[in-house]
């Protein structure tokens, strides 16, 4: 099996995922993923596709992730891993799809408009 490369995105985070056969080592930006994501909830988000497909110790993963915060990065990685697993084995697709892990979340921060304080908030109006 050669290296499978996929991309996952969430808000402004972009994660590039490279999967090989191995022993279950996950490196995020050249750090172990337990060190990169400190909280258990973020660690679960990253490992969720493997837990659902029972492939926790089967693949070595190298991930480079940029932009956004830790939660957005974890969800971008989750999407990238899910897409890679579907490339490796099509039988994983229904399991991941029912959990919603193959859906790209399109929600982005609305841009600030000129003449306003924020995206929707206006400056205080003064009649006199």
C-alpha atoms as a PDB file:
ATOM      1  CA  UNK A   1       0.000   0.000   0.000  1.00  0.00           C
ATOM      2  CA  UNK A   2       1.392   3.402  -0.935  1.00  0.00           C
ATOM      3  CA  UNK A   3       0.789   6.582   1.058  1.00  0.00           C
ATOM      4  CA  UNK A   4      -2.752   7.938   0.866  1.00  0.00           C
ATOM      5  CA  UNK A   5      -2.992  11.745   0.893  1.00  0.00           C
ATOM      6  CA  UNK A   6      -6.179  13.680   1.686  1.00  0.00           C
ATOM      7  CA  UNK A   7      -7.156  17.164   2.829  1.00  0.00           C
ATOM      8  CA  UNK A   8      -9.669  18.132   5.512  1.00  0.00           C
ATOM      9  CA  UNK A   9     -10.977  21.648   6.158  1.00  0.00           C
ATOM     10  CA  UNK A  10     -12.992  23.355   8.902  1.00  0.00           C
ATOM     11  CA  UNK A  11     -13.460  27.136   9.274  1.00  0.00           C
ATOM     12  CA  UNK A  12      -9.973  28.462   8.416  1.00  0.00           C
ATOM     13  CA  UNK A  13      -8.082  25.266   9.336  1.00  0.00           C
ATOM     14  CA  UNK A  14      -6.550  23.091   6.629  1.00  0.00           C
ATOM     15  CA  UNK A  15      -5.203  19.632   7.491  1.00  0.00           C
ATOM     16  CA  UNK A  16      -3.107  17.514   5.123  1.00  0.00           C
ATOM     17  CA  UNK A  17      -3.255  13.848   6.111  1.00  0.00           C
ATOM     18  CA  UNK A  18      -0.783  11.156   4.969  1.00  0.00           C
ATOM     19  CA  UNK A  19      -1.678   7.561   5.901  1.00  0.00           C
ATOM     20  CA  UNK A  20       0.589   4.479   5.680  1.00  0.00           C
ATOM     21  CA  UNK A  21       0.348   0.946   7.056  1.00  0.00           C
ATOM     22  CA  UNK A  22       1.929   0.867  10.507  1.00  0.00           C
ATOM     23  CA  UNK A  23       1.443   0.567  14.247  1.00  0.00           C
ATOM     24  CA  UNK A  24      -0.934   3.439  15.028  1.00  0.00           C
ATOM     25  CA  UNK A  25       1.494   6.366  15.442  1.00  0.00           C
ATOM     26  CA  UNK A  26      -0.191   9.745  14.883  1.00  0.00           C
ATOM     27  CA  UNK A  27       2.065  12.791  14.366  1.00  0.00           C
ATOM     28  CA  UNK A  28       0.543  16.268  14.128  1.00  0.00           C
ATOM     29  CA  UNK A  29       3.050  18.907  12.958  1.00  0.00           C
ATOM     30  CA  UNK A  30       5.903  16.542  13.988  1.00  0.00           C
ATOM     31  CA  UNK A  31       4.527  16.136  17.542  1.00  0.00           C
ATOM     32  CA  UNK A  32       2.617  13.218  19.039  1.00  0.00           C
ATOM     33  CA  UNK A  33      -1.078  13.964  18.806  1.00  0.00           C
ATOM     34  CA  UNK A  34      -1.516  13.554  22.594  1.00  0.00           C
ATOM     35  CA  UNK A  35       0.949  16.423  23.093  1.00  0.00           C
ATOM     36  CA  UNK A  36      -0.537  18.597  20.328  1.00  0.00           C
ATOM     37  CA  UNK A  37      -4.153  18.189  21.502  1.00  0.00           C
ATOM     38  CA  UNK A  38      -4.136  18.443  25.298  1.00  0.00           C
ATOM     39  CA  UNK A  39      -7.815  17.816  26.107  1.00  0.00           C
ATOM     40  CA  UNK A  40      -9.406  14.355  25.883  1.00  0.00           C
ATOM     41  CA  UNK A  41     -12.346  15.688  23.839  1.00  0.00           C
ATOM     42  CA  UNK A  42     -10.023  16.913  21.060  1.00  0.00           C
ATOM     43  CA  UNK A  43      -8.053  13.646  21.182  1.00  0.00           C
ATOM     44  CA  UNK A  44     -11.332  11.743  20.777  1.00  0.00           C
ATOM     45  CA  UNK A  45     -12.310  13.884  17.762  1.00  0.00           C
ATOM     46  CA  UNK A  46      -9.026  13.008  16.031  1.00  0.00           C
ATOM     47  CA  UNK A  47      -9.256   9.274  16.776  1.00  0.00           C
ATOM     48  CA  UNK A  48     -13.035   8.948  16.209  1.00  0.00           C
ATOM     49  CA  UNK A  49     -12.807   7.593  12.603  1.00  0.00           C
ATOM     50  CA  UNK A  50     -10.453   4.817  13.763  1.00  0.00           C
ATOM     51  CA  UNK A  51     -12.674   3.902  16.720  1.00  0.00           C
ATOM     52  CA  UNK A  52     -15.738   3.603  14.442  1.00  0.00           C
ATOM     53  CA  UNK A  53     -13.915   1.460  11.868  1.00  0.00           C
ATOM     54  CA  UNK A  54     -11.909  -0.625  14.416  1.00  0.00           C
ATOM     55  CA  UNK A  55      -8.559   0.319  12.811  1.00  0.00           C
ATOM     56  CA  UNK A  56      -6.896   2.074  15.775  1.00  0.00           C
ATOM     57  CA  UNK A  57      -3.496   0.339  15.547  1.00  0.00           C
ATOM     58  CA  UNK A  58      -3.366  -0.341  11.783  1.00  0.00           C
ATOM     59  CA  UNK A  59      -2.094   2.918  10.264  1.00  0.00           C
ATOM     60  CA  UNK A  60       0.690   5.456  10.811  1.00  0.00           C
ATOM     61  CA  UNK A  61      -0.437   9.022  10.154  1.00  0.00           C
ATOM     62  CA  UNK A  62       1.500  12.210   9.473  1.00  0.00           C
ATOM     63  CA  UNK A  63      -0.565  15.385   9.611  1.00  0.00           C
ATOM     64  CA  UNK A  64       0.316  18.990   8.857  1.00  0.00           C
ATOM     65  CA  UNK A  65      -2.338  21.440   9.961  1.00  0.00           C
ATOM     66  CA  UNK A  66      -2.466  25.227   9.627  1.00  0.00           C
ATOM     67  CA  UNK A  67      -4.852  28.022  10.546  1.00  0.00           C
ATOM     68  CA  UNK A  68      -7.730  28.375  12.956  1.00  0.00           C
ATOM     69  CA  UNK A  69      -7.962  27.236  16.564  1.00  0.00           C
ATOM     70  CA  UNK A  70      -7.484  23.844  18.164  1.00  0.00           C
ATOM     71  CA  UNK A  71     -11.114  22.740  17.774  1.00  0.00           C
ATOM     72  CA  UNK A  72     -11.239  23.654  14.084  1.00  0.00           C
ATOM     73  CA  UNK A  73      -7.923  21.910  13.524  1.00  0.00           C
ATOM     74  CA  UNK A  74      -9.136  18.731  15.263  1.00  0.00           C
ATOM     75  CA  UNK A  75     -12.291  18.672  13.136  1.00  0.00           C
ATOM     76  CA  UNK A  76     -10.290  19.308   9.952  1.00  0.00           C
ATOM     77  CA  UNK A  77      -8.015  16.380  10.839  1.00  0.00           C
ATOM     78  CA  UNK A  78     -11.054  14.197  11.532  1.00  0.00           C
ATOM     79  CA  UNK A  79     -12.461  14.940   8.063  1.00  0.00           C
ATOM     80  CA  UNK A  80      -9.104  14.247   6.408  1.00  0.00           C
ATOM     81  CA  UNK A  81      -8.687  10.916   8.211  1.00  0.00           C
ATOM     82  CA  UNK A  82     -12.256   9.886   7.341  1.00  0.00           C
ATOM     83  CA  UNK A  83     -11.683  10.650   3.658  1.00  0.00           C
ATOM     84  CA  UNK A  84      -8.399   8.704   3.693  1.00  0.00           C
ATOM     85  CA  UNK A  85     -10.030   5.654   5.268  1.00  0.00           C
ATOM     86  CA  UNK A  86     -12.707   5.728   2.554  1.00  0.00           C
ATOM     87  CA  UNK A  87      -9.972   5.804  -0.107  1.00  0.00           C
ATOM     88  CA  UNK A  88      -8.286   2.796   1.512  1.00  0.00           C
ATOM     89  CA  UNK A  89     -11.476   0.726   1.947  1.00  0.00           C
ATOM     90  CA  UNK A  90     -14.920   1.659   0.554  1.00  0.00           C
ATOM     91  CA  UNK A  91     -16.617  -0.524   3.206  1.00  0.00           C
ATOM     92  CA  UNK A  92     -15.872   2.126   5.855  1.00  0.00           C
ATOM     93  CA  UNK A  93     -17.952   4.723   3.994  1.00  0.00           C
ATOM     94  CA  UNK A  94     -21.462   3.848   5.361  1.00  0.00           C
ATOM     95  CA  UNK A  95     -20.209   3.740   8.966  1.00  0.00           C
ATOM     96  CA  UNK A  96     -18.475   7.123   8.702  1.00  0.00           C
ATOM     97  CA  UNK A  97     -21.301   8.704   6.704  1.00  0.00           C
ATOM     98  CA  UNK A  98     -23.982   7.840   9.293  1.00  0.00           C
ATOM     99  CA  UNK A  99     -21.864   9.568  11.959  1.00  0.00           C
ATOM    100  CA  UNK A 100     -21.519  12.644   9.713  1.00  0.00           C
ATOM    101  CA  UNK A 101     -17.729  12.460   9.476  1.00  0.00           C
ATOM    102  CA  UNK A 102     -17.592  12.785   5.682  1.00  0.00           C
ATOM    103  CA  UNK A 103     -19.513  16.069   5.560  1.00  0.00           C
ATOM    104  CA  UNK A 104     -17.537  19.296   5.089  1.00  0.00           C
ATOM    105  CA  UNK A 105     -18.966  21.838   7.538  1.00  0.00           C
ATOM    106  CA  UNK A 106     -19.336  25.013   5.410  1.00  0.00           C
ATOM    107  CA  UNK A 107     -19.857  27.480   8.258  1.00  0.00           C
ATOM    108  CA  UNK A 108     -17.311  30.299   8.203  1.00  0.00           C
ATOM    109  CA  UNK A 109     -16.947  33.563  10.109  1.00  0.00           C
ATOM    110  CA  UNK A 110     -18.875  36.356   8.410  1.00  0.00           C
ATOM    111  CA  UNK A 111     -16.645  39.194   7.288  1.00  0.00           C
ATOM    112  CA  UNK A 112     -16.696  42.656   8.880  1.00  0.00           C
ATOM    113  CA  UNK A 113     -18.368  45.300   6.722  1.00  0.00           C
ATOM    114  CA  UNK A 114     -17.175  48.878   6.343  1.00  0.00           C
ATOM    115  CA  UNK A 115     -19.201  51.511   8.200  1.00  0.00           C
ATOM    116  CA  UNK A 116     -20.067  48.964  10.878  1.00  0.00           C
ATOM    117  CA  UNK A 117     -18.533  47.910  14.165  1.00  0.00           C
ATOM    118  CA  UNK A 118     -18.504  44.168  13.366  1.00  0.00           C
ATOM    119  CA  UNK A 119     -20.091  41.836  10.819  1.00  0.00           C
ATOM    120  CA  UNK A 120     -23.646  42.675  11.887  1.00  0.00           C
ATOM    121  CA  UNK A 121     -23.301  45.090  14.813  1.00  0.00           C
ATOM    122  CA  UNK A 122     -23.659  48.750  13.867  1.00  0.00           C
ATOM    123  CA  UNK A 123     -22.187  51.892  15.433  1.00  0.00           C
ATOM    124  CA  UNK A 124     -24.520  53.611  17.874  1.00  0.00           C
ATOM    125  CA  UNK A 125     -27.049  55.799  16.070  1.00  0.00           C
ATOM    126  CA  UNK A 126     -27.460  59.352  17.347  1.00  0.00           C
ATOM    127  CA  UNK A 127     -30.455  61.347  16.166  1.00  0.00           C
ATOM    128  CA  UNK A 128     -29.151  64.672  17.565  1.00  0.00           C
END
